[in-house]
């Protein structure tokens, strides 16, 4: 796990652990984490594939303004994972293309 547990300024609370699924495999997260933070904590950095060149993208801005972190969440494409909280049992998949008809 790559989770930050100590910080000189921020108070990092140890919250309830939950299970979510990435590409069908169970992973753990902490309640209150964003999907992106939980994926990075589990060593996953590629969130989607670009439509034309099939290049991988991951966390970039971290504030929901770009589209690099979009993934398919519970069957819904184009979810901005940097601002969406992870939930128990959530299903997260790599998004290939635009999330529309090309998926």
PDB file of N, CA and C in Angstrom:
ATOM      1  N   UNK A   1       0.829  -1.178   0.000  1.00  0.00           N
ATOM      2  CA  UNK A   1       0.000   0.000   0.000  1.00  0.00           C
ATOM      3  C   UNK A   1       0.877   1.247   0.000  1.00  0.00           C
ATOM      4  N   UNK A   2       0.429   2.272  -0.703  1.00  0.00           N
ATOM      5  CA  UNK A   2       1.171   3.513  -0.807  1.00  0.00           C
ATOM      6  C   UNK A   2       0.475   4.658  -0.071  1.00  0.00           C
ATOM      7  N   UNK A   3      -0.422   4.352   0.808  1.00  0.00           N
ATOM      8  CA  UNK A   3      -1.222   5.351   1.516  1.00  0.00           C
ATOM      9  C   UNK A   3      -0.340   6.189   2.439  1.00  0.00           C
ATOM     10  N   UNK A   4      -0.566   7.494   2.436  1.00  0.00           N
ATOM     11  CA  UNK A   4       0.135   8.387   3.354  1.00  0.00           C
ATOM     12  C   UNK A   4      -0.490   8.210   4.732  1.00  0.00           C
ATOM     13  N   UNK A   5       0.320   7.889   5.714  1.00  0.00           N
ATOM     14  CA  UNK A   5      -0.201   7.665   7.062  1.00  0.00           C
ATOM     15  C   UNK A   5       0.203   8.766   8.041  1.00  0.00           C
ATOM     16  N   UNK A   6       1.242   9.519   7.683  1.00  0.00           N
ATOM     17  CA  UNK A   6       1.683  10.622   8.537  1.00  0.00           C
ATOM     18  C   UNK A   6       1.990  11.833   7.667  1.00  0.00           C
ATOM     19  N   UNK A   7       1.651  13.020   8.193  1.00  0.00           N
ATOM     20  CA  UNK A   7       1.896  14.256   7.457  1.00  0.00           C
ATOM     21  C   UNK A   7       2.182  15.358   8.478  1.00  0.00           C
ATOM     22  N   UNK A   8       3.128  16.253   8.194  1.00  0.00           N
ATOM     23  CA  UNK A   8       3.479  17.275   9.177  1.00  0.00           C
ATOM     24  C   UNK A   8       2.383  18.324   9.426  1.00  0.00           C
ATOM     25  N   UNK A   9       1.439  18.469   8.498  1.00  0.00           N
ATOM     26  CA  UNK A   9       0.402  19.485   8.657  1.00  0.00           C
ATOM     27  C   UNK A   9      -0.994  18.864   8.733  1.00  0.00           C
ATOM     28  N   UNK A  10      -1.288  17.923   7.862  1.00  0.00           N
ATOM     29  CA  UNK A  10      -2.617  17.324   7.790  1.00  0.00           C
ATOM     30  C   UNK A  10      -2.819  16.250   8.852  1.00  0.00           C
ATOM     31  N   UNK A  11      -4.047  16.102   9.287  1.00  0.00           N
ATOM     32  CA  UNK A  11      -4.391  15.006  10.186  1.00  0.00           C
ATOM     33  C   UNK A  11      -4.944  13.882   9.318  1.00  0.00           C
ATOM     34  N   UNK A  12      -4.282  12.747   9.338  1.00  0.00           N
ATOM     35  CA  UNK A  12      -4.698  11.597   8.539  1.00  0.00           C
ATOM     36  C   UNK A  12      -5.425  10.639   9.466  1.00  0.00           C
ATOM     37  N   UNK A  13      -6.725  10.506   9.261  1.00  0.00           N
ATOM     38  CA  UNK A  13      -7.520   9.607  10.099  1.00  0.00           C
ATOM     39  C   UNK A  13      -7.495   8.192   9.546  1.00  0.00           C
ATOM     40  N   UNK A  14      -7.490   7.233  10.438  1.00  0.00           N
ATOM     41  CA  UNK A  14      -7.550   5.829  10.045  1.00  0.00           C
ATOM     42  C   UNK A  14      -9.024   5.437  10.007  1.00  0.00           C
ATOM     43  N   UNK A  15      -9.590   5.388   8.815  1.00  0.00           N
ATOM     44  CA  UNK A  15     -11.022   5.126   8.659  1.00  0.00           C
ATOM     45  C   UNK A  15     -11.288   3.660   8.326  1.00  0.00           C
ATOM     46  N   UNK A  16     -12.558   3.328   8.260  1.00  0.00           N
ATOM     47  CA  UNK A  16     -12.999   1.963   7.986  1.00  0.00           C
ATOM     48  C   UNK A  16     -12.477   1.467   6.635  1.00  0.00           C
ATOM     49  N   UNK A  17     -12.015   0.235   6.617  1.00  0.00           N
ATOM     50  CA  UNK A  17     -11.549  -0.385   5.379  1.00  0.00           C
ATOM     51  C   UNK A  17     -12.734  -0.960   4.629  1.00  0.00           C
ATOM     52  N   UNK A  18     -12.700  -0.841   3.303  1.00  0.00           N
ATOM     53  CA  UNK A  18     -13.757  -1.427   2.494  1.00  0.00           C
ATOM     54  C   UNK A  18     -13.152  -2.128   1.287  1.00  0.00           C
ATOM     55  N   UNK A  19     -13.976  -2.902   0.592  1.00  0.00           N
ATOM     56  CA  UNK A  19     -13.533  -3.650  -0.584  1.00  0.00           C
ATOM     57  C   UNK A  19     -14.262  -3.114  -1.813  1.00  0.00           C
ATOM     58  N   UNK A  20     -13.487  -2.872  -2.868  1.00  0.00           N
ATOM     59  CA  UNK A  20     -14.074  -2.531  -4.157  1.00  0.00           C
ATOM     60  C   UNK A  20     -13.382  -3.402  -5.194  1.00  0.00           C
ATOM     61  N   UNK A  21     -13.868  -3.385  -6.428  1.00  0.00           N
ATOM     62  CA  UNK A  21     -13.361  -4.302  -7.453  1.00  0.00           C
ATOM     63  C   UNK A  21     -12.807  -3.518  -8.631  1.00  0.00           C
ATOM     64  N   UNK A  22     -11.571  -3.843  -8.997  1.00  0.00           N
ATOM     65  CA  UNK A  22     -10.909  -3.245 -10.145  1.00  0.00           C
ATOM     66  C   UNK A  22     -10.711  -4.341 -11.177  1.00  0.00           C
ATOM     67  N   UNK A  23     -11.355  -4.185 -12.338  1.00  0.00           N
ATOM     68  CA  UNK A  23     -11.273  -5.199 -13.393  1.00  0.00           C
ATOM     69  C   UNK A  23     -11.623  -6.580 -12.845  1.00  0.00           C
ATOM     70  N   UNK A  24     -12.553  -6.642 -11.911  1.00  0.00           N
ATOM     71  CA  UNK A  24     -13.030  -7.900 -11.342  1.00  0.00           C
ATOM     72  C   UNK A  24     -12.253  -8.413 -10.142  1.00  0.00           C
ATOM     73  N   UNK A  25     -11.105  -7.813  -9.843  1.00  0.00           N
ATOM     74  CA  UNK A  25     -10.284  -8.254  -8.711  1.00  0.00           C
ATOM     75  C   UNK A  25     -10.544  -7.377  -7.486  1.00  0.00           C
ATOM     76  N   UNK A  26     -10.672  -7.995  -6.306  1.00  0.00           N
ATOM     77  CA  UNK A  26     -10.930  -7.198  -5.102  1.00  0.00           C
ATOM     78  C   UNK A  26      -9.697  -6.417  -4.653  1.00  0.00           C
ATOM     79  N   UNK A  27      -9.938  -5.170  -4.257  1.00  0.00           N
ATOM     80  CA  UNK A  27      -8.898  -4.311  -3.692  1.00  0.00           C
ATOM     81  C   UNK A  27      -9.454  -3.670  -2.429  1.00  0.00           C
ATOM     82  N   UNK A  28      -8.572  -3.180  -1.582  1.00  0.00           N
ATOM     83  CA  UNK A  28      -9.031  -2.497  -0.366  1.00  0.00           C
ATOM     84  C   UNK A  28      -8.828  -1.001  -0.493  1.00  0.00           C
ATOM     85  N   UNK A  29      -9.651  -0.275   0.227  1.00  0.00           N
ATOM     86  CA  UNK A  29      -9.576   1.187   0.288  1.00  0.00           C
ATOM     87  C   UNK A  29     -10.025   1.612   1.674  1.00  0.00           C
ATOM     88  N   UNK A  30      -9.961   2.885   1.931  1.00  0.00           N
ATOM     89  CA  UNK A  30     -10.442   3.460   3.183  1.00  0.00           C
ATOM     90  C   UNK A  30     -11.623   4.361   2.891  1.00  0.00           C
ATOM     91  N   UNK A  31     -12.661   4.268   3.715  1.00  0.00           N
ATOM     92  CA  UNK A  31     -13.833   5.129   3.548  1.00  0.00           C
ATOM     93  C   UNK A  31     -13.368   6.583   3.536  1.00  0.00           C
ATOM     94  N   UNK A  32     -13.857   7.343   2.572  1.00  0.00           N
ATOM     95  CA  UNK A  32     -13.458   8.738   2.419  1.00  0.00           C
ATOM     96  C   UNK A  32     -12.416   8.957   1.340  1.00  0.00           C
ATOM     97  N   UNK A  33     -11.818   7.879   0.832  1.00  0.00           N
ATOM     98  CA  UNK A  33     -10.848   7.997  -0.263  1.00  0.00           C
ATOM     99  C   UNK A  33     -11.580   8.184  -1.583  1.00  0.00           C
ATOM    100  N   UNK A  34     -10.955   8.899  -2.504  1.00  0.00           N
ATOM    101  CA  UNK A  34     -11.479   8.931  -3.863  1.00  0.00           C
ATOM    102  C   UNK A  34     -11.084   7.626  -4.544  1.00  0.00           C
ATOM    103  N   UNK A  35     -11.756   7.317  -5.647  1.00  0.00           N
ATOM    104  CA  UNK A  35     -11.405   6.107  -6.407  1.00  0.00           C
ATOM    105  C   UNK A  35      -9.951   6.201  -6.856  1.00  0.00           C
ATOM    106  N   UNK A  36      -9.549   7.367  -7.374  1.00  0.00           N
ATOM    107  CA  UNK A  36      -8.178   7.543  -7.860  1.00  0.00           C
ATOM    108  C   UNK A  36      -7.160   7.294  -6.747  1.00  0.00           C
ATOM    109  N   UNK A  37      -7.404   7.837  -5.560  1.00  0.00           N
ATOM    110  CA  UNK A  37      -6.486   7.642  -4.436  1.00  0.00           C
ATOM    111  C   UNK A  37      -6.405   6.168  -4.057  1.00  0.00           C
ATOM    112  N   UNK A  38      -7.540   5.489  -4.058  1.00  0.00           N
ATOM    113  CA  UNK A  38      -7.555   4.069  -3.711  1.00  0.00           C
ATOM    114  C   UNK A  38      -6.795   3.240  -4.750  1.00  0.00           C
ATOM    115  N   UNK A  39      -6.944   3.578  -6.027  1.00  0.00           N
ATOM    116  CA  UNK A  39      -6.219   2.852  -7.075  1.00  0.00           C
ATOM    117  C   UNK A  39      -4.721   3.079  -6.950  1.00  0.00           C
ATOM    118  N   UNK A  40      -4.311   4.325  -6.767  1.00  0.00           N
ATOM    119  CA  UNK A  40      -2.886   4.627  -6.613  1.00  0.00           C
ATOM    120  C   UNK A  40      -2.329   3.939  -5.375  1.00  0.00           C
ATOM    121  N   UNK A  41      -3.099   3.907  -4.296  1.00  0.00           N
ATOM    122  CA  UNK A  41      -2.694   3.215  -3.074  1.00  0.00           C
ATOM    123  C   UNK A  41      -2.448   1.734  -3.335  1.00  0.00           C
ATOM    124  N   UNK A  42      -3.165   1.177  -4.299  1.00  0.00           N
ATOM    125  CA  UNK A  42      -3.016  -0.236  -4.657  1.00  0.00           C
ATOM    126  C   UNK A  42      -2.051  -0.454  -5.823  1.00  0.00           C
ATOM    127  N   UNK A  43      -1.308   0.589  -6.205  1.00  0.00           N
ATOM    128  CA  UNK A  43      -0.286   0.455  -7.239  1.00  0.00           C
ATOM    129  C   UNK A  43      -0.786   0.571  -8.667  1.00  0.00           C
ATOM    130  N   UNK A  44      -2.013   1.033  -8.862  1.00  0.00           N
ATOM    131  CA  UNK A  44      -2.584   1.157 -10.207  1.00  0.00           C
ATOM    132  C   UNK A  44      -2.522   2.615 -10.625  1.00  0.00           C
ATOM    133  N   UNK A  45      -1.882   2.879 -11.764  1.00  0.00           N
ATOM    134  CA  UNK A  45      -1.703   4.252 -12.212  1.00  0.00           C
ATOM    135  C   UNK A  45      -2.349   4.544 -13.560  1.00  0.00           C
ATOM    136  N   UNK A  46      -2.701   3.531 -14.336  1.00  0.00           N
ATOM    137  CA  UNK A  46      -3.340   3.725 -15.647  1.00  0.00           C
ATOM    138  C   UNK A  46      -4.845   3.539 -15.498  1.00  0.00           C
ATOM    139  N   UNK A  47      -5.602   4.590 -15.801  1.00  0.00           N
ATOM    140  CA  UNK A  47      -7.050   4.580 -15.592  1.00  0.00           C
ATOM    141  C   UNK A  47      -7.848   4.429 -16.879  1.00  0.00           C
ATOM    142  N   UNK A  48      -7.304   4.933 -17.968  1.00  0.00           N
ATOM    143  CA  UNK A  48      -8.033   4.842 -19.229  1.00  0.00           C
ATOM    144  C   UNK A  48      -7.069   4.740 -20.388  1.00  0.00           C
ATOM    145  N   UNK A  49      -7.613   4.469 -21.574  1.00  0.00           N
ATOM    146  CA  UNK A  49      -6.862   4.377 -22.815  1.00  0.00           C
ATOM    147  C   UNK A  49      -7.444   5.396 -23.785  1.00  0.00           C
ATOM    148  N   UNK A  50      -6.588   6.149 -24.474  1.00  0.00           N
ATOM    149  CA  UNK A  50      -7.090   7.149 -25.419  1.00  0.00           C
ATOM    150  C   UNK A  50      -7.706   6.466 -26.639  1.00  0.00           C
ATOM    151  N   UNK A  51      -8.697   7.130 -27.270  1.00  0.00           N
ATOM    152  CA  UNK A  51      -9.408   6.499 -28.384  1.00  0.00           C
ATOM    153  C   UNK A  51      -8.559   6.237 -29.624  1.00  0.00           C
ATOM    154  N   UNK A  52      -7.720   7.180 -30.035  1.00  0.00           N
ATOM    155  CA  UNK A  52      -6.991   7.028 -31.296  1.00  0.00           C
ATOM    156  C   UNK A  52      -5.690   6.248 -31.174  1.00  0.00           C
ATOM    157  N   UNK A  53      -4.860   6.619 -30.214  1.00  0.00           N
ATOM    158  CA  UNK A  53      -3.524   6.028 -30.127  1.00  0.00           C
ATOM    159  C   UNK A  53      -3.411   4.964 -29.048  1.00  0.00           C
ATOM    160  N   UNK A  54      -4.487   4.741 -28.301  1.00  0.00           N
ATOM    161  CA  UNK A  54      -4.525   3.711 -27.251  1.00  0.00           C
ATOM    162  C   UNK A  54      -3.432   3.903 -26.203  1.00  0.00           C
ATOM    163  N   UNK A  55      -3.151   5.176 -25.891  1.00  0.00           N
ATOM    164  CA  UNK A  55      -2.172   5.502 -24.859  1.00  0.00           C
ATOM    165  C   UNK A  55      -2.875   5.514 -23.503  1.00  0.00           C
ATOM    166  N   UNK A  56      -2.150   5.155 -22.470  1.00  0.00           N
ATOM    167  CA  UNK A  56      -2.752   5.153 -21.133  1.00  0.00           C
ATOM    168  C   UNK A  56      -2.702   6.543 -20.510  1.00  0.00           C
ATOM    169  N   UNK A  57      -3.691   6.798 -19.669  1.00  0.00           N
ATOM    170  CA  UNK A  57      -3.768   8.039 -18.916  1.00  0.00           C
ATOM    171  C   UNK A  57      -4.095   7.689 -17.474  1.00  0.00           C
ATOM    172  N   UNK A  58      -3.736   8.577 -16.560  1.00  0.00           N
ATOM    173  CA  UNK A  58      -4.004   8.365 -15.143  1.00  0.00           C
ATOM    174  C   UNK A  58      -4.327   9.688 -14.484  1.00  0.00           C
ATOM    175  N   UNK A  59      -4.029   9.791 -13.211  1.00  0.00           N
ATOM    176  CA  UNK A  59      -4.310  11.015 -12.466  1.00  0.00           C
ATOM    177  C   UNK A  59      -3.449  12.160 -13.000  1.00  0.00           C
ATOM    178  N   UNK A  60      -4.072  13.289 -13.304  1.00  0.00           N
ATOM    179  CA  UNK A  60      -3.324  14.437 -13.809  1.00  0.00           C
ATOM    180  C   UNK A  60      -3.615  15.670 -12.950  1.00  0.00           C
ATOM    181  N   UNK A  61      -4.819  16.210 -13.052  1.00  0.00           N
ATOM    182  CA  UNK A  61      -5.089  17.451 -12.308  1.00  0.00           C
ATOM    183  C   UNK A  61      -5.537  17.177 -10.871  1.00  0.00           C
ATOM    184  N   UNK A  62      -6.271  16.104 -10.663  1.00  0.00           N
ATOM    185  CA  UNK A  62      -6.719  15.744  -9.320  1.00  0.00           C
ATOM    186  C   UNK A  62      -7.853  16.589  -8.771  1.00  0.00           C
ATOM    187  N   UNK A  63      -8.459  17.454  -9.613  1.00  0.00           N
ATOM    188  CA  UNK A  63      -9.557  18.306  -9.134  1.00  0.00           C
ATOM    189  C   UNK A  63     -10.784  18.253 -10.039  1.00  0.00           C
ATOM    190  N   UNK A  64     -10.859  17.258 -10.911  1.00  0.00           N
ATOM    191  CA  UNK A  64     -12.045  17.057 -11.741  1.00  0.00           C
ATOM    192  C   UNK A  64     -12.156  17.955 -12.954  1.00  0.00           C
ATOM    193  N   UNK A  65     -11.084  18.633 -13.339  1.00  0.00           N
ATOM    194  CA  UNK A  65     -11.153  19.558 -14.473  1.00  0.00           C
ATOM    195  C   UNK A  65     -10.709  18.943 -15.797  1.00  0.00           C
ATOM    196  N   UNK A  66      -9.841  17.964 -15.765  1.00  0.00           N
ATOM    197  CA  UNK A  66      -9.416  17.313 -17.004  1.00  0.00           C
ATOM    198  C   UNK A  66     -10.194  15.998 -17.139  1.00  0.00           C
ATOM    199  N   UNK A  67      -9.866  15.201 -18.111  1.00  0.00           N
ATOM    200  CA  UNK A  67     -10.574  13.925 -18.266  1.00  0.00           C
ATOM    201  C   UNK A  67      -9.623  12.737 -18.223  1.00  0.00           C
ATOM    202  N   UNK A  68      -8.410  12.949 -17.731  1.00  0.00           N
ATOM    203  CA  UNK A  68      -7.443  11.860 -17.737  1.00  0.00           C
ATOM    204  C   UNK A  68      -7.783  10.724 -16.769  1.00  0.00           C
ATOM    205  N   UNK A  69      -8.539  10.990 -15.727  1.00  0.00           N
ATOM    206  CA  UNK A  69      -8.824   9.949 -14.728  1.00  0.00           C
ATOM    207  C   UNK A  69     -10.176   9.269 -14.926  1.00  0.00           C
ATOM    208  N   UNK A  70     -10.872   9.536 -16.049  1.00  0.00           N
ATOM    209  CA  UNK A  70     -12.205   8.946 -16.216  1.00  0.00           C
ATOM    210  C   UNK A  70     -12.112   7.428 -16.381  1.00  0.00           C
ATOM    211  N   UNK A  71     -13.070   6.740 -15.753  1.00  0.00           N
ATOM    212  CA  UNK A  71     -13.141   5.279 -15.806  1.00  0.00           C
ATOM    213  C   UNK A  71     -14.607   4.864 -15.859  1.00  0.00           C
ATOM    214  N   UNK A  72     -14.821   3.588 -16.101  1.00  0.00           N
ATOM    215  CA  UNK A  72     -16.165   3.019 -16.046  1.00  0.00           C
ATOM    216  C   UNK A  72     -16.395   2.570 -14.609  1.00  0.00           C
ATOM    217  N   UNK A  73     -17.398   3.143 -13.954  1.00  0.00           N
ATOM    218  CA  UNK A  73     -17.690   2.833 -12.556  1.00  0.00           C
ATOM    219  C   UNK A  73     -19.118   2.312 -12.455  1.00  0.00           C
ATOM    220  N   UNK A  74     -19.246   1.093 -11.966  1.00  0.00           N
ATOM    221  CA  UNK A  74     -20.558   0.439 -11.865  1.00  0.00           C
ATOM    222  C   UNK A  74     -21.305   0.488 -13.197  1.00  0.00           C
ATOM    223  N   UNK A  75     -20.553   0.277 -14.292  1.00  0.00           N
ATOM    224  CA  UNK A  75     -21.146   0.242 -15.623  1.00  0.00           C
ATOM    225  C   UNK A  75     -21.335   1.601 -16.275  1.00  0.00           C
ATOM    226  N   UNK A  76     -21.056   2.681 -15.569  1.00  0.00           N
ATOM    227  CA  UNK A  76     -21.235   4.034 -16.096  1.00  0.00           C
ATOM    228  C   UNK A  76     -19.891   4.600 -16.551  1.00  0.00           C
ATOM    229  N   UNK A  77     -19.749   4.969 -17.844  1.00  0.00           N
ATOM    230  CA  UNK A  77     -18.477   5.505 -18.336  1.00  0.00           C
ATOM    231  C   UNK A  77     -18.288   6.969 -17.940  1.00  0.00           C
ATOM    232  N   UNK A  78     -17.064   7.444 -18.114  1.00  0.00           N
ATOM    233  CA  UNK A  78     -16.698   8.853 -17.933  1.00  0.00           C
ATOM    234  C   UNK A  78     -16.867   9.382 -16.514  1.00  0.00           C
ATOM    235  N   UNK A  79     -16.667   8.530 -15.529  1.00  0.00           N
ATOM    236  CA  UNK A  79     -16.721   8.967 -14.134  1.00  0.00           C
ATOM    237  C   UNK A  79     -15.349   9.534 -13.766  1.00  0.00           C
ATOM    238  N   UNK A  80     -15.324  10.744 -13.268  1.00  0.00           N
ATOM    239  CA  UNK A  80     -14.068  11.392 -12.855  1.00  0.00           C
ATOM    240  C   UNK A  80     -13.661  10.818 -11.494  1.00  0.00           C
ATOM    241  N   UNK A  81     -12.699   9.929 -11.523  1.00  0.00           N
ATOM    242  CA  UNK A  81     -12.336   9.173 -10.320  1.00  0.00           C
ATOM    243  C   UNK A  81     -11.590  10.002  -9.289  1.00  0.00           C
ATOM    244  N   UNK A  82     -11.060  11.149  -9.679  1.00  0.00           N
ATOM    245  CA  UNK A  82     -10.319  11.980  -8.717  1.00  0.00           C
ATOM    246  C   UNK A  82     -11.246  12.714  -7.762  1.00  0.00           C
ATOM    247  N   UNK A  83     -12.532  12.814  -8.103  1.00  0.00           N
ATOM    248  CA  UNK A  83     -13.477  13.533  -7.238  1.00  0.00           C
ATOM    249  C   UNK A  83     -14.662  12.655  -6.822  1.00  0.00           C
ATOM    250  N   UNK A  84     -14.602  11.363  -7.138  1.00  0.00           N
ATOM    251  CA  UNK A  84     -15.672  10.431  -6.780  1.00  0.00           C
ATOM    252  C   UNK A  84     -15.181   9.514  -5.665  1.00  0.00           C
ATOM    253  N   UNK A  85     -15.931   9.454  -4.566  1.00  0.00           N
ATOM    254  CA  UNK A  85     -15.520   8.620  -3.441  1.00  0.00           C
ATOM    255  C   UNK A  85     -15.744   7.137  -3.742  1.00  0.00           C
ATOM    256  N   UNK A  86     -14.802   6.331  -3.298  1.00  0.00           N
ATOM    257  CA  UNK A  86     -14.928   4.885  -3.443  1.00  0.00           C
ATOM    258  C   UNK A  86     -15.990   4.373  -2.469  1.00  0.00           C
ATOM    259  N   UNK A  87     -16.735   3.357  -2.881  1.00  0.00           N
ATOM    260  CA  UNK A  87     -17.793   2.784  -2.045  1.00  0.00           C
ATOM    261  C   UNK A  87     -17.626   1.271  -1.959  1.00  0.00           C
ATOM    262  N   UNK A  88     -18.149   0.706  -0.906  1.00  0.00           N
ATOM    263  CA  UNK A  88     -18.126  -0.743  -0.707  1.00  0.00           C
ATOM    264  C   UNK A  88     -18.767  -1.435  -1.909  1.00  0.00           C
ATOM    265  N   UNK A  89     -18.060  -2.418  -2.471  1.00  0.00           N
ATOM    266  CA  UNK A  89     -18.587  -3.216  -3.569  1.00  0.00           C
ATOM    267  C   UNK A  89     -18.554  -2.562  -4.936  1.00  0.00           C
ATOM    268  N   UNK A  90     -18.055  -1.340  -5.014  1.00  0.00           N
ATOM    269  CA  UNK A  90     -18.005  -0.604  -6.279  1.00  0.00           C
ATOM    270  C   UNK A  90     -17.188  -1.380  -7.309  1.00  0.00           C
ATOM    271  N   UNK A  91     -17.612  -1.322  -8.570  1.00  0.00           N
ATOM    272  CA  UNK A  91     -16.901  -1.989  -9.664  1.00  0.00           C
ATOM    273  C   UNK A  91     -16.293  -0.926 -10.573  1.00  0.00           C
ATOM    274  N   UNK A  92     -14.964  -0.977 -10.714  1.00  0.00           N
ATOM    275  CA  UNK A  92     -14.218   0.018 -11.473  1.00  0.00           C
ATOM    276  C   UNK A  92     -13.480  -0.691 -12.605  1.00  0.00           C
ATOM    277  N   UNK A  93     -13.599  -0.132 -13.823  1.00  0.00           N
ATOM    278  CA  UNK A  93     -12.938  -0.734 -14.985  1.00  0.00           C
ATOM    279  C   UNK A  93     -12.187   0.332 -15.774  1.00  0.00           C
ATOM    280  N   UNK A  94     -11.099  -0.093 -16.418  1.00  0.00           N
ATOM    281  CA  UNK A  94     -10.349   0.797 -17.302  1.00  0.00           C
ATOM    282  C   UNK A  94     -11.283   1.214 -18.431  1.00  0.00           C
ATOM    283  N   UNK A  95     -11.283   2.501 -18.751  1.00  0.00           N
ATOM    284  CA  UNK A  95     -12.104   2.983 -19.860  1.00  0.00           C
ATOM    285  C   UNK A  95     -11.263   2.989 -21.118  1.00  0.00           C
ATOM    286  N   UNK A  96     -11.766   2.342 -22.150  1.00  0.00           N
ATOM    287  CA  UNK A  96     -11.073   2.308 -23.445  1.00  0.00           C
ATOM    288  C   UNK A  96     -11.833   3.189 -24.406  1.00  0.00           C
ATOM    289  N   UNK A  97     -11.183   4.224 -24.892  1.00  0.00           N
ATOM    290  CA  UNK A  97     -11.835   5.157 -25.804  1.00  0.00           C
ATOM    291  C   UNK A  97     -12.642   6.197 -25.066  1.00  0.00           C
ATOM    292  N   UNK A  98     -13.710   6.648 -25.716  1.00  0.00           N
ATOM    293  CA  UNK A  98     -14.496   7.757 -25.175  1.00  0.00           C
ATOM    294  C   UNK A  98     -15.543   7.324 -24.166  1.00  0.00           C
ATOM    295  N   UNK A  99     -15.788   6.043 -24.056  1.00  0.00           N
ATOM    296  CA  UNK A  99     -16.823   5.571 -23.144  1.00  0.00           C
ATOM    297  C   UNK A  99     -18.178   5.501 -23.812  1.00  0.00           C
ATOM    298  N   UNK A 100     -18.241   5.908 -25.074  1.00  0.00           N
ATOM    299  CA  UNK A 100     -19.492   5.871 -25.823  1.00  0.00           C
ATOM    300  C   UNK A 100     -19.606   4.568 -26.597  1.00  0.00           C
ATOM    301  N   UNK A 101     -19.996   4.669 -27.843  1.00  0.00           N
ATOM    302  CA  UNK A 101     -20.220   3.508 -28.692  1.00  0.00           C
ATOM    303  C   UNK A 101     -18.951   2.691 -28.924  1.00  0.00           C
ATOM    304  N   UNK A 102     -17.791   3.319 -28.752  1.00  0.00           N
ATOM    305  CA  UNK A 102     -16.534   2.599 -29.009  1.00  0.00           C
ATOM    306  C   UNK A 102     -16.087   1.725 -27.853  1.00  0.00           C
ATOM    307  N   UNK A 103     -16.834   1.702 -26.738  1.00  0.00           N
ATOM    308  CA  UNK A 103     -16.371   0.886 -25.631  1.00  0.00           C
ATOM    309  C   UNK A 103     -16.761  -0.504 -25.865  1.00  0.00           C
TER     310      UNK A 103
END
